[in-house]
Amino acid sequence: MSPLLRFIVYSDYLCPWCVNADHRLRRLEQEYEGRVELEFKSYLLRPHPRPEPASPEDADRALEKFRRYTENWQRIGSEPDAGQFRVWQGDEGPPSHSVPAHAVAKAAARLGREPFRRMHERLLHAYFVENRDISREPVLRELWQELELDPDGFEARSESQLLEQVQADHEEALRLGATGVPAVRLDGNEAVIVGAQPAELYQRWIERTLARRAAGA
């Protein structure tokens, strides 16, 4: 049986605000089980690889600048009903660009809805809590193996058709007016709500839409 409501969520695995939106929306999806479903689409905050550092000194400066940036994650994580974050530790990073993580998530989606869900959650946790560079192929392969997904399925991440799908998601979001992420819309409606909204706003949206549809049935 199809859910009554399907929400399209545009997000990026390098976006801390997307963690909070994901946390809130997933909880609501569980509360409204069978009536609400989430579909995640790609948005590319960093669509192209950043240039390689010209020297080890430049690489060190870039990493230190990135560490200072991740201190902002503490503020985002202090919001009500927020996800998990840890200021960046270790020597990995900063991530080169957004595409690799999205490509692996879509490769997992080819295996089914549940493999995608597991990979989606694992990518966010690996980046924001474990501080792993999810733009690196070895890290992504380790996550895939850890989840015990079909080994052959990992290679789909580099297929042109899959990469085109990532780009198409991003372009769709831009066409609909999503100037940033997270951005959420109701399936069948092109109006998007941008930003990690309070859980109460998402819940009111769900309740009102369910009520309208029940009245029109």
N, C-alpha and C. Protein backbone atom coordinates (compact mmCIF):
# COMPACT_ATOMS: atom_id res chain seq x y z
N MET A 1 0.84 -1.20 0.00
CA MET A 1 0.00 0.00 0.00
C MET A 1 0.88 1.25 0.00
N SER A 2 0.59 2.19 -0.89
CA SER A 2 1.38 3.41 -0.98
C SER A 2 1.06 4.34 0.18
N PRO A 3 2.06 5.08 0.68
CA PRO A 3 1.79 6.03 1.76
C PRO A 3 0.90 7.16 1.28
N LEU A 4 0.20 7.80 2.22
CA LEU A 4 -0.66 8.92 1.87
C LEU A 4 0.16 10.12 1.45
N LEU A 5 1.32 10.31 2.10
CA LEU A 5 2.17 11.46 1.81
C LEU A 5 3.60 11.02 1.54
N ARG A 6 4.17 11.56 0.47
CA ARG A 6 5.58 11.33 0.21
C ARG A 6 6.27 12.69 0.15
N PHE A 7 7.27 12.87 0.98
CA PHE A 7 8.04 14.10 1.00
C PHE A 7 9.36 13.89 0.27
N ILE A 8 9.68 14.79 -0.65
CA ILE A 8 10.95 14.76 -1.36
C ILE A 8 11.92 15.65 -0.59
N VAL A 9 13.05 15.09 -0.20
CA VAL A 9 14.04 15.81 0.61
C VAL A 9 15.33 15.95 -0.20
N TYR A 10 15.67 17.18 -0.55
CA TYR A 10 16.94 17.45 -1.21
C TYR A 10 17.98 17.73 -0.12
N SER A 11 19.09 17.01 -0.18
CA SER A 11 20.08 17.18 0.88
C SER A 11 21.47 16.86 0.35
N ASP A 12 22.47 17.25 1.14
CA ASP A 12 23.87 17.00 0.80
C ASP A 12 24.55 16.37 2.01
N TYR A 13 25.37 15.37 1.77
CA TYR A 13 26.02 14.66 2.86
C TYR A 13 27.10 15.48 3.56
N LEU A 14 27.42 16.66 3.01
CA LEU A 14 28.38 17.54 3.65
C LEU A 14 27.70 18.71 4.35
N CYS A 15 26.38 18.68 4.45
CA CYS A 15 25.61 19.78 5.03
C CYS A 15 25.19 19.46 6.46
N PRO A 16 25.68 20.18 7.46
CA PRO A 16 25.29 19.88 8.85
C PRO A 16 23.82 20.13 9.13
N TRP A 17 23.23 21.13 8.49
CA TRP A 17 21.80 21.39 8.71
C TRP A 17 20.95 20.23 8.20
N CYS A 18 21.45 19.52 7.19
CA CYS A 18 20.71 18.37 6.68
C CYS A 18 20.64 17.25 7.72
N VAL A 19 21.62 17.19 8.60
CA VAL A 19 21.60 16.18 9.66
C VAL A 19 20.40 16.43 10.58
N ASN A 20 20.19 17.68 10.97
CA ASN A 20 19.08 17.98 11.85
C ASN A 20 17.74 17.72 11.18
N ALA A 21 17.61 18.14 9.92
CA ALA A 21 16.36 17.88 9.19
C ALA A 21 16.12 16.39 9.05
N ASP A 22 17.18 15.65 8.74
CA ASP A 22 17.06 14.20 8.60
C ASP A 22 16.59 13.57 9.90
N HIS A 23 17.18 14.00 11.01
CA HIS A 23 16.82 13.46 12.32
C HIS A 23 15.33 13.70 12.63
N ARG A 24 14.86 14.90 12.36
CA ARG A 24 13.48 15.25 12.67
C ARG A 24 12.49 14.55 11.73
N LEU A 25 12.82 14.55 10.45
CA LEU A 25 11.90 13.96 9.48
C LEU A 25 11.82 12.44 9.64
N ARG A 26 12.92 11.81 9.95
CA ARG A 26 12.89 10.35 10.13
C ARG A 26 12.05 9.97 11.36
N ARG A 27 12.17 10.77 12.41
CA ARG A 27 11.35 10.48 13.59
C ARG A 27 9.87 10.60 13.25
N LEU A 28 9.51 11.61 12.49
CA LEU A 28 8.11 11.79 12.10
C LEU A 28 7.65 10.68 11.15
N GLU A 29 8.54 10.24 10.29
CA GLU A 29 8.19 9.13 9.40
C GLU A 29 7.85 7.89 10.21
N GLN A 30 8.58 7.67 11.31
CA GLN A 30 8.28 6.53 12.18
C GLN A 30 6.96 6.72 12.91
N GLU A 31 6.72 7.95 13.38
CA GLU A 31 5.49 8.23 14.10
C GLU A 31 4.26 8.06 13.22
N TYR A 32 4.42 8.42 11.93
CA TYR A 32 3.31 8.32 10.98
C TYR A 32 3.54 7.13 10.03
N GLU A 33 4.02 6.05 10.58
CA GLU A 33 4.36 4.88 9.77
C GLU A 33 3.19 4.44 8.90
N GLY A 34 3.48 4.24 7.62
CA GLY A 34 2.45 3.83 6.68
C GLY A 34 1.69 4.97 6.05
N ARG A 35 1.83 6.16 6.63
CA ARG A 35 1.14 7.33 6.08
C ARG A 35 2.10 8.35 5.49
N VAL A 36 3.34 8.34 5.95
CA VAL A 36 4.34 9.30 5.49
C VAL A 36 5.59 8.54 5.05
N GLU A 37 6.16 8.96 3.93
CA GLU A 37 7.38 8.35 3.42
C GLU A 37 8.31 9.45 2.93
N LEU A 38 9.60 9.24 3.12
CA LEU A 38 10.62 10.19 2.68
C LEU A 38 11.36 9.64 1.47
N GLU A 39 11.59 10.50 0.50
CA GLU A 39 12.43 10.17 -0.63
C GLU A 39 13.54 11.20 -0.71
N PHE A 40 14.79 10.74 -0.67
CA PHE A 40 15.93 11.65 -0.66
C PHE A 40 16.51 11.82 -2.06
N LYS A 41 16.81 13.08 -2.39
CA LYS A 41 17.43 13.41 -3.66
C LYS A 41 18.70 14.22 -3.42
N SER A 42 19.57 14.20 -4.41
CA SER A 42 20.89 14.82 -4.27
C SER A 42 20.84 16.33 -4.49
N TYR A 43 21.62 17.02 -3.67
CA TYR A 43 21.91 18.44 -3.87
C TYR A 43 23.40 18.59 -3.65
N LEU A 44 24.06 19.33 -4.52
CA LEU A 44 25.52 19.39 -4.51
C LEU A 44 26.01 20.75 -4.03
N LEU A 45 26.35 20.83 -2.74
CA LEU A 45 26.94 22.06 -2.24
C LEU A 45 28.34 22.27 -2.82
N ARG A 46 29.03 21.19 -3.09
CA ARG A 46 30.36 21.26 -3.71
C ARG A 46 30.34 20.35 -4.94
N PRO A 47 29.84 20.86 -6.07
CA PRO A 47 29.66 19.99 -7.24
C PRO A 47 30.95 19.58 -7.92
N HIS A 48 32.03 20.32 -7.69
CA HIS A 48 33.29 20.03 -8.38
C HIS A 48 34.42 19.83 -7.37
N PRO A 49 35.38 18.96 -7.69
CA PRO A 49 36.51 18.75 -6.77
C PRO A 49 37.30 20.02 -6.56
N ARG A 50 37.69 20.26 -5.33
CA ARG A 50 38.55 21.41 -5.05
C ARG A 50 39.97 21.11 -5.54
N PRO A 51 40.72 22.11 -5.96
CA PRO A 51 42.09 21.86 -6.43
C PRO A 51 42.95 21.22 -5.34
N GLU A 52 43.85 20.39 -5.77
CA GLU A 52 44.79 19.77 -4.83
C GLU A 52 45.72 20.85 -4.26
N PRO A 53 46.06 20.78 -2.97
CA PRO A 53 47.00 21.75 -2.40
C PRO A 53 48.33 21.74 -3.14
N ALA A 54 48.90 22.91 -3.31
CA ALA A 54 50.16 23.02 -4.05
C ALA A 54 51.35 22.51 -3.26
N SER A 55 51.21 22.43 -1.93
CA SER A 55 52.33 22.00 -1.10
C SER A 55 51.78 21.40 0.19
N PRO A 56 52.63 20.66 0.93
CA PRO A 56 52.20 20.15 2.23
C PRO A 56 51.77 21.26 3.18
N GLU A 57 52.40 22.40 3.09
CA GLU A 57 52.05 23.53 3.96
C GLU A 57 50.64 24.02 3.62
N ASP A 58 50.31 24.08 2.33
CA ASP A 58 48.97 24.48 1.92
C ASP A 58 47.93 23.47 2.40
N ALA A 59 48.29 22.19 2.33
CA ALA A 59 47.38 21.15 2.80
C ALA A 59 47.12 21.28 4.29
N ASP A 60 48.15 21.57 5.05
CA ASP A 60 47.99 21.75 6.50
C ASP A 60 47.10 22.96 6.81
N ARG A 61 47.29 24.03 6.07
CA ARG A 61 46.47 25.24 6.29
C ARG A 61 45.01 24.97 5.94
N ALA A 62 44.79 24.24 4.85
CA ALA A 62 43.41 23.92 4.45
C ALA A 62 42.72 23.06 5.51
N LEU A 63 43.46 22.10 6.07
CA LEU A 63 42.88 21.24 7.09
C LEU A 63 42.58 22.02 8.36
N GLU A 64 43.47 22.91 8.75
CA GLU A 64 43.25 23.70 9.95
C GLU A 64 42.06 24.63 9.77
N LYS A 65 41.95 25.22 8.59
CA LYS A 65 40.79 26.08 8.31
C LYS A 65 39.51 25.27 8.37
N PHE A 66 39.54 24.05 7.86
CA PHE A 66 38.37 23.17 7.90
C PHE A 66 38.01 22.82 9.34
N ARG A 67 39.01 22.52 10.16
CA ARG A 67 38.74 22.21 11.57
C ARG A 67 38.03 23.37 12.25
N ARG A 68 38.48 24.59 11.98
CA ARG A 68 37.83 25.76 12.59
C ARG A 68 36.38 25.89 12.10
N TYR A 69 36.17 25.59 10.82
CA TYR A 69 34.80 25.62 10.30
C TYR A 69 33.90 24.63 11.05
N THR A 70 34.41 23.42 11.33
CA THR A 70 33.57 22.41 11.97
C THR A 70 33.22 22.75 13.42
N GLU A 71 33.88 23.75 14.00
CA GLU A 71 33.47 24.18 15.33
C GLU A 71 32.05 24.72 15.32
N ASN A 72 31.59 25.19 14.15
CA ASN A 72 30.20 25.64 14.01
C ASN A 72 29.22 24.50 14.19
N TRP A 73 29.68 23.27 13.98
CA TRP A 73 28.78 22.13 14.13
C TRP A 73 28.26 22.02 15.57
N GLN A 74 29.06 22.50 16.52
CA GLN A 74 28.60 22.45 17.92
C GLN A 74 27.33 23.28 18.11
N ARG A 75 27.29 24.44 17.48
CA ARG A 75 26.10 25.29 17.58
C ARG A 75 24.90 24.62 16.93
N ILE A 76 25.12 24.02 15.76
CA ILE A 76 24.03 23.35 15.06
C ILE A 76 23.53 22.15 15.88
N GLY A 77 24.48 21.47 16.51
CA GLY A 77 24.11 20.31 17.32
C GLY A 77 23.46 20.67 18.64
N SER A 78 23.53 21.94 19.04
CA SER A 78 22.90 22.36 20.30
C SER A 78 21.43 22.74 20.11
N GLU A 79 20.96 22.74 18.86
CA GLU A 79 19.55 23.04 18.62
C GLU A 79 18.66 21.95 19.22
N PRO A 80 17.41 22.29 19.52
CA PRO A 80 16.48 21.25 19.98
C PRO A 80 16.30 20.18 18.91
N ASP A 81 16.24 18.94 19.34
CA ASP A 81 15.97 17.82 18.43
C ASP A 81 16.99 17.77 17.30
N ALA A 82 18.26 17.88 17.65
CA ALA A 82 19.34 17.90 16.65
C ALA A 82 19.97 16.52 16.52
N GLY A 83 20.76 16.36 15.46
CA GLY A 83 21.53 15.15 15.28
C GLY A 83 22.84 15.20 16.03
N GLN A 84 23.74 14.26 15.71
CA GLN A 84 25.03 14.16 16.39
C GLN A 84 26.13 14.81 15.57
N PHE A 85 27.06 15.46 16.28
CA PHE A 85 28.20 16.11 15.63
C PHE A 85 29.43 16.00 16.53
N ARG A 86 30.60 16.04 15.89
CA ARG A 86 31.86 16.15 16.62
C ARG A 86 32.79 17.05 15.84
N VAL A 87 33.38 18.02 16.51
CA VAL A 87 34.36 18.89 15.85
C VAL A 87 35.46 18.02 15.26
N TRP A 88 35.93 18.38 14.08
CA TRP A 88 36.81 17.51 13.30
C TRP A 88 38.09 17.17 14.04
N GLN A 89 38.38 15.87 14.05
CA GLN A 89 39.60 15.33 14.64
C GLN A 89 40.39 14.61 13.56
N GLY A 90 41.64 14.34 13.82
CA GLY A 90 42.44 13.55 12.89
C GLY A 90 42.95 14.35 11.71
N ASP A 91 43.55 13.63 10.76
CA ASP A 91 44.25 14.26 9.65
C ASP A 91 43.57 14.06 8.31
N GLU A 92 42.41 13.43 8.26
CA GLU A 92 41.67 13.29 7.01
C GLU A 92 40.97 14.60 6.67
N GLY A 93 40.72 14.80 5.38
CA GLY A 93 39.93 15.94 4.97
C GLY A 93 40.78 17.16 4.66
N PRO A 94 40.11 18.25 4.27
CA PRO A 94 38.67 18.37 4.08
C PRO A 94 38.18 17.62 2.85
N PRO A 95 36.88 17.30 2.79
CA PRO A 95 36.35 16.57 1.63
C PRO A 95 36.59 17.34 0.34
N SER A 96 36.81 16.63 -0.74
CA SER A 96 37.07 17.27 -2.02
C SER A 96 35.81 17.84 -2.66
N HIS A 97 34.70 17.06 -2.63
CA HIS A 97 33.45 17.52 -3.21
C HIS A 97 32.31 16.60 -2.82
N SER A 98 31.10 16.96 -3.22
CA SER A 98 29.89 16.27 -2.76
C SER A 98 29.55 15.00 -3.54
N VAL A 99 29.99 14.91 -4.78
CA VAL A 99 29.49 13.87 -5.67
C VAL A 99 29.78 12.44 -5.19
N PRO A 100 30.99 12.10 -4.70
CA PRO A 100 31.26 10.70 -4.37
C PRO A 100 30.27 10.09 -3.38
N ALA A 101 29.92 10.81 -2.33
CA ALA A 101 28.99 10.26 -1.35
C ALA A 101 27.61 10.04 -1.95
N HIS A 102 27.14 11.00 -2.76
CA HIS A 102 25.84 10.84 -3.41
C HIS A 102 25.85 9.65 -4.37
N ALA A 103 26.95 9.47 -5.09
CA ALA A 103 27.04 8.36 -6.03
C ALA A 103 26.95 7.02 -5.31
N VAL A 104 27.61 6.91 -4.18
CA VAL A 104 27.57 5.65 -3.42
C VAL A 104 26.17 5.43 -2.84
N ALA A 105 25.52 6.49 -2.39
CA ALA A 105 24.16 6.35 -1.87
C ALA A 105 23.21 5.86 -2.96
N LYS A 106 23.36 6.39 -4.16
CA LYS A 106 22.50 5.96 -5.25
C LYS A 106 22.84 4.53 -5.70
N ALA A 107 24.10 4.15 -5.61
CA ALA A 107 24.46 2.77 -5.90
C ALA A 107 23.78 1.83 -4.90
N ALA A 108 23.73 2.25 -3.64
CA ALA A 108 23.03 1.44 -2.64
C ALA A 108 21.53 1.40 -2.92
N ALA A 109 20.98 2.51 -3.42
CA ALA A 109 19.55 2.56 -3.72
C ALA A 109 19.18 1.56 -4.81
N ARG A 110 20.10 1.25 -5.70
CA ARG A 110 19.83 0.25 -6.73
C ARG A 110 19.59 -1.13 -6.12
N LEU A 111 20.11 -1.34 -4.93
CA LEU A 111 19.93 -2.62 -4.25
C LEU A 111 18.62 -2.68 -3.48
N GLY A 112 17.96 -1.54 -3.32
CA GLY A 112 16.68 -1.51 -2.61
C GLY A 112 16.58 -0.35 -1.64
N ARG A 113 15.39 -0.15 -1.15
CA ARG A 113 15.12 0.96 -0.25
C ARG A 113 15.89 0.84 1.07
N GLU A 114 15.96 -0.36 1.61
CA GLU A 114 16.64 -0.55 2.90
C GLU A 114 18.15 -0.36 2.79
N PRO A 115 18.81 -0.91 1.77
CA PRO A 115 20.25 -0.62 1.61
C PRO A 115 20.52 0.88 1.49
N PHE A 116 19.66 1.60 0.76
CA PHE A 116 19.87 3.05 0.67
C PHE A 116 19.75 3.69 2.05
N ARG A 117 18.73 3.33 2.80
CA ARG A 117 18.54 3.93 4.12
C ARG A 117 19.77 3.71 4.99
N ARG A 118 20.28 2.51 4.99
CA ARG A 118 21.43 2.19 5.83
C ARG A 118 22.67 2.98 5.39
N MET A 119 22.88 3.07 4.07
CA MET A 119 24.03 3.82 3.58
C MET A 119 23.86 5.31 3.85
N HIS A 120 22.67 5.83 3.65
CA HIS A 120 22.39 7.24 3.91
C HIS A 120 22.75 7.60 5.35
N GLU A 121 22.29 6.82 6.29
CA GLU A 121 22.57 7.09 7.70
C GLU A 121 24.05 6.91 8.00
N ARG A 122 24.66 5.90 7.37
CA ARG A 122 26.07 5.61 7.65
C ARG A 122 26.97 6.74 7.15
N LEU A 123 26.64 7.31 5.99
CA LEU A 123 27.44 8.41 5.45
C LEU A 123 27.41 9.62 6.39
N LEU A 124 26.24 9.98 6.86
CA LEU A 124 26.12 11.12 7.76
C LEU A 124 26.89 10.89 9.05
N HIS A 125 26.77 9.70 9.61
CA HIS A 125 27.46 9.40 10.86
C HIS A 125 28.97 9.37 10.65
N ALA A 126 29.41 8.79 9.54
CA ALA A 126 30.85 8.70 9.27
C ALA A 126 31.46 10.08 9.17
N TYR A 127 30.76 11.00 8.56
CA TYR A 127 31.32 12.34 8.35
C TYR A 127 31.21 13.20 9.60
N PHE A 128 30.02 13.33 10.14
CA PHE A 128 29.80 14.31 11.20
C PHE A 128 30.15 13.80 12.60
N VAL A 129 30.22 12.51 12.80
CA VAL A 129 30.54 11.97 14.13
C VAL A 129 31.92 11.32 14.15
N GLU A 130 32.22 10.51 13.13
CA GLU A 130 33.50 9.82 13.08
C GLU A 130 34.59 10.63 12.39
N ASN A 131 34.18 11.75 11.74
CA ASN A 131 35.14 12.64 11.06
C ASN A 131 35.96 11.90 10.01
N ARG A 132 35.26 11.16 9.15
CA ARG A 132 35.91 10.47 8.04
C ARG A 132 35.61 11.22 6.75
N ASP A 133 36.58 11.26 5.87
CA ASP A 133 36.45 11.99 4.61
C ASP A 133 35.66 11.14 3.62
N ILE A 134 34.36 11.42 3.52
CA ILE A 134 33.48 10.60 2.68
C ILE A 134 33.55 10.98 1.20
N SER A 135 34.53 11.77 0.82
CA SER A 135 34.79 11.99 -0.59
C SER A 135 35.88 11.05 -1.11
N ARG A 136 36.50 10.28 -0.20
CA ARG A 136 37.60 9.39 -0.58
C ARG A 136 37.07 7.99 -0.87
N GLU A 137 37.51 7.44 -2.00
CA GLU A 137 37.05 6.11 -2.42
C GLU A 137 37.34 5.02 -1.38
N PRO A 138 38.54 4.97 -0.77
CA PRO A 138 38.77 3.92 0.23
C PRO A 138 37.81 3.98 1.41
N VAL A 139 37.46 5.18 1.85
CA VAL A 139 36.51 5.33 2.96
C VAL A 139 35.13 4.82 2.54
N LEU A 140 34.70 5.21 1.36
CA LEU A 140 33.38 4.78 0.89
C LEU A 140 33.32 3.27 0.70
N ARG A 141 34.40 2.70 0.22
CA ARG A 141 34.43 1.23 0.05
C ARG A 141 34.36 0.54 1.42
N GLU A 142 35.05 1.09 2.40
CA GLU A 142 35.00 0.51 3.75
C GLU A 142 33.57 0.56 4.31
N LEU A 143 32.88 1.67 4.11
CA LEU A 143 31.50 1.78 4.59
C LEU A 143 30.61 0.76 3.90
N TRP A 144 30.80 0.60 2.61
CA TRP A 144 30.01 -0.37 1.84
C TRP A 144 30.22 -1.79 2.39
N GLN A 145 31.49 -2.13 2.61
CA GLN A 145 31.81 -3.46 3.13
C GLN A 145 31.28 -3.64 4.54
N GLU A 146 31.36 -2.60 5.34
CA GLU A 146 30.88 -2.66 6.71
C GLU A 146 29.38 -2.98 6.75
N LEU A 147 28.63 -2.43 5.80
CA LEU A 147 27.19 -2.68 5.75
C LEU A 147 26.86 -4.00 5.08
N GLU A 148 27.88 -4.70 4.59
CA GLU A 148 27.74 -6.02 3.95
C GLU A 148 26.78 -5.96 2.76
N LEU A 149 26.93 -4.90 1.96
CA LEU A 149 26.15 -4.80 0.74
C LEU A 149 26.81 -5.60 -0.37
N ASP A 150 26.06 -5.89 -1.41
CA ASP A 150 26.57 -6.67 -2.54
C ASP A 150 27.87 -6.05 -3.06
N PRO A 151 28.99 -6.78 -3.01
CA PRO A 151 30.28 -6.20 -3.42
C PRO A 151 30.27 -5.64 -4.83
N ASP A 152 29.57 -6.30 -5.74
CA ASP A 152 29.55 -5.83 -7.13
C ASP A 152 28.79 -4.51 -7.26
N GLY A 153 27.88 -4.25 -6.36
CA GLY A 153 27.06 -3.05 -6.46
C GLY A 153 27.84 -1.77 -6.25
N PHE A 154 28.96 -1.85 -5.56
CA PHE A 154 29.75 -0.65 -5.29
C PHE A 154 30.28 -0.02 -6.57
N GLU A 155 30.57 -0.82 -7.56
CA GLU A 155 31.17 -0.31 -8.79
C GLU A 155 30.19 0.56 -9.57
N ALA A 156 28.90 0.46 -9.27
CA ALA A 156 27.92 1.29 -9.98
C ALA A 156 28.11 2.77 -9.71
N ARG A 157 28.83 3.11 -8.64
CA ARG A 157 28.99 4.51 -8.25
C ARG A 157 29.64 5.35 -9.34
N SER A 158 30.39 4.72 -10.23
CA SER A 158 31.11 5.46 -11.28
C SER A 158 30.43 5.39 -12.64
N GLU A 159 29.26 4.76 -12.71
CA GLU A 159 28.55 4.66 -13.99
C GLU A 159 28.01 6.02 -14.40
N SER A 160 28.09 6.33 -15.67
CA SER A 160 27.65 7.63 -16.16
C SER A 160 26.16 7.85 -15.90
N GLN A 161 25.35 6.82 -16.04
CA GLN A 161 23.91 6.97 -15.83
C GLN A 161 23.60 7.37 -14.39
N LEU A 162 24.31 6.78 -13.46
CA LEU A 162 24.10 7.10 -12.05
C LEU A 162 24.57 8.52 -11.74
N LEU A 163 25.72 8.89 -12.27
CA LEU A 163 26.23 10.24 -12.03
C LEU A 163 25.32 11.29 -12.67
N GLU A 164 24.73 10.96 -13.80
CA GLU A 164 23.77 11.87 -14.43
C GLU A 164 22.52 12.02 -13.56
N GLN A 165 22.15 10.97 -12.87
CA GLN A 165 20.99 11.05 -11.98
C GLN A 165 21.27 11.98 -10.80
N VAL A 166 22.49 11.91 -10.27
CA VAL A 166 22.89 12.82 -9.20
C VAL A 166 22.76 14.27 -9.67
N GLN A 167 23.29 14.53 -10.85
CA GLN A 167 23.24 15.89 -11.40
C GLN A 167 21.81 16.31 -11.70
N ALA A 168 21.00 15.40 -12.19
CA ALA A 168 19.61 15.72 -12.50
C ALA A 168 18.84 16.10 -11.24
N ASP A 169 19.08 15.39 -10.15
CA ASP A 169 18.44 15.75 -8.87
C ASP A 169 18.79 17.18 -8.49
N HIS A 170 20.08 17.50 -8.59
CA HIS A 170 20.55 18.83 -8.22
C HIS A 170 19.90 19.90 -9.09
N GLU A 171 19.86 19.68 -10.37
CA GLU A 171 19.27 20.65 -11.28
C GLU A 171 17.77 20.80 -11.04
N GLU A 172 17.11 19.72 -10.70
CA GLU A 172 15.68 19.79 -10.37
C GLU A 172 15.46 20.69 -9.17
N ALA A 173 16.28 20.52 -8.14
CA ALA A 173 16.15 21.35 -6.94
C ALA A 173 16.33 22.82 -7.26
N LEU A 174 17.33 23.12 -8.07
CA LEU A 174 17.58 24.51 -8.45
C LEU A 174 16.40 25.07 -9.24
N ARG A 175 15.86 24.28 -10.14
CA ARG A 175 14.73 24.73 -10.96
C ARG A 175 13.51 25.06 -10.09
N LEU A 176 13.36 24.32 -9.01
CA LEU A 176 12.22 24.52 -8.12
C LEU A 176 12.45 25.65 -7.12
N GLY A 177 13.64 26.24 -7.14
CA GLY A 177 13.91 27.37 -6.26
C GLY A 177 14.59 27.02 -4.97
N ALA A 178 15.16 25.83 -4.88
CA ALA A 178 15.90 25.45 -3.67
C ALA A 178 17.27 26.12 -3.71
N THR A 179 17.41 27.20 -2.97
CA THR A 179 18.66 27.95 -2.95
C THR A 179 19.68 27.36 -1.98
N GLY A 180 19.30 26.36 -1.26
CA GLY A 180 20.18 25.70 -0.31
C GLY A 180 19.51 24.45 0.20
N VAL A 181 20.14 23.78 1.14
CA VAL A 181 19.58 22.56 1.72
C VAL A 181 19.70 22.60 3.24
N PRO A 182 18.84 21.81 3.89
CA PRO A 182 17.83 20.91 3.33
C PRO A 182 16.68 21.67 2.67
N ALA A 183 16.08 21.05 1.69
CA ALA A 183 14.89 21.60 1.03
C ALA A 183 13.88 20.46 0.89
N VAL A 184 12.66 20.73 1.27
CA VAL A 184 11.64 19.68 1.33
C VAL A 184 10.41 20.13 0.56
N ARG A 185 9.83 19.20 -0.18
CA ARG A 185 8.56 19.47 -0.84
C ARG A 185 7.68 18.24 -0.77
N LEU A 186 6.41 18.44 -0.96
CA LEU A 186 5.45 17.35 -1.01
C LEU A 186 5.39 16.81 -2.43
N ASP A 187 5.44 15.53 -2.59
CA ASP A 187 5.37 14.93 -3.92
C ASP A 187 4.11 15.40 -4.63
N GLY A 188 4.30 15.89 -5.87
CA GLY A 188 3.17 16.42 -6.61
C GLY A 188 3.00 17.91 -6.47
N ASN A 189 3.81 18.52 -5.61
CA ASN A 189 3.77 19.96 -5.39
C ASN A 189 5.19 20.49 -5.54
N GLU A 190 5.38 21.49 -6.37
CA GLU A 190 6.74 21.98 -6.65
C GLU A 190 7.23 23.03 -5.66
N ALA A 191 6.39 23.44 -4.70
CA ALA A 191 6.82 24.42 -3.71
C ALA A 191 7.76 23.75 -2.70
N VAL A 192 8.92 24.39 -2.46
CA VAL A 192 9.88 23.81 -1.53
C VAL A 192 10.02 24.68 -0.29
N ILE A 193 10.26 24.03 0.83
CA ILE A 193 10.59 24.72 2.08
C ILE A 193 12.07 24.49 2.34
N VAL A 194 12.83 25.57 2.40
CA VAL A 194 14.29 25.48 2.54
C VAL A 194 14.69 25.72 3.99
N GLY A 195 15.65 24.95 4.46
CA GLY A 195 16.16 25.11 5.82
C GLY A 195 15.73 23.98 6.72
N ALA A 196 16.52 23.76 7.77
CA ALA A 196 16.18 22.73 8.76
C ALA A 196 15.13 23.30 9.69
N GLN A 197 13.88 23.02 9.40
CA GLN A 197 12.77 23.58 10.16
C GLN A 197 12.56 22.82 11.47
N PRO A 198 11.95 23.47 12.47
CA PRO A 198 11.62 22.75 13.70
C PRO A 198 10.72 21.56 13.41
N ALA A 199 10.85 20.53 14.22
CA ALA A 199 10.02 19.34 14.02
C ALA A 199 8.54 19.68 14.06
N GLU A 200 8.18 20.69 14.87
CA GLU A 200 6.76 21.07 15.00
C GLU A 200 6.21 21.59 13.67
N LEU A 201 7.03 22.31 12.91
CA LEU A 201 6.57 22.80 11.62
C LEU A 201 6.31 21.64 10.66
N TYR A 202 7.25 20.69 10.59
CA TYR A 202 7.04 19.53 9.74
C TYR A 202 5.78 18.77 10.16
N GLN A 203 5.59 18.65 11.48
CA GLN A 203 4.43 17.91 11.96
C GLN A 203 3.12 18.61 11.61
N ARG A 204 3.09 19.93 11.75
CA ARG A 204 1.88 20.67 11.35
C ARG A 204 1.61 20.49 9.87
N TRP A 205 2.65 20.51 9.07
CA TRP A 205 2.51 20.30 7.63
C TRP A 205 1.87 18.94 7.35
N ILE A 206 2.37 17.92 8.03
CA ILE A 206 1.82 16.58 7.86
C ILE A 206 0.36 16.52 8.29
N GLU A 207 0.06 17.04 9.48
CA GLU A 207 -1.30 16.95 10.01
C GLU A 207 -2.30 17.68 9.11
N ARG A 208 -1.94 18.87 8.67
CA ARG A 208 -2.85 19.65 7.83
C ARG A 208 -3.08 18.97 6.48
N THR A 209 -2.01 18.42 5.91
CA THR A 209 -2.15 17.78 4.62
C THR A 209 -2.97 16.49 4.74
N LEU A 210 -2.73 15.72 5.79
CA LEU A 210 -3.54 14.52 6.00
C LEU A 210 -5.00 14.88 6.21
N ALA A 211 -5.27 15.95 6.96
CA ALA A 211 -6.65 16.39 7.21
C ALA A 211 -7.33 16.82 5.91
N ARG A 212 -6.63 17.58 5.08
CA ARG A 212 -7.20 18.03 3.80
C ARG A 212 -7.51 16.84 2.91
N ARG A 213 -6.63 15.88 2.88
CA ARG A 213 -6.86 14.74 2.00
C ARG A 213 -7.98 13.85 2.53
N ALA A 214 -8.08 13.77 3.86
CA ALA A 214 -9.19 12.99 4.43
C ALA A 214 -10.52 13.67 4.13
N ALA A 215 -10.54 15.00 4.19
CA ALA A 215 -11.78 15.75 3.93
C ALA A 215 -12.19 15.63 2.47
N GLY A 216 -11.18 15.50 1.57
CA GLY A 216 -11.49 15.43 0.16
C GLY A 216 -11.75 14.02 -0.35
N ALA A 217 -11.54 13.05 0.55
CA ALA A 217 -11.73 11.65 0.12
C ALA A 217 -13.20 11.32 -0.08
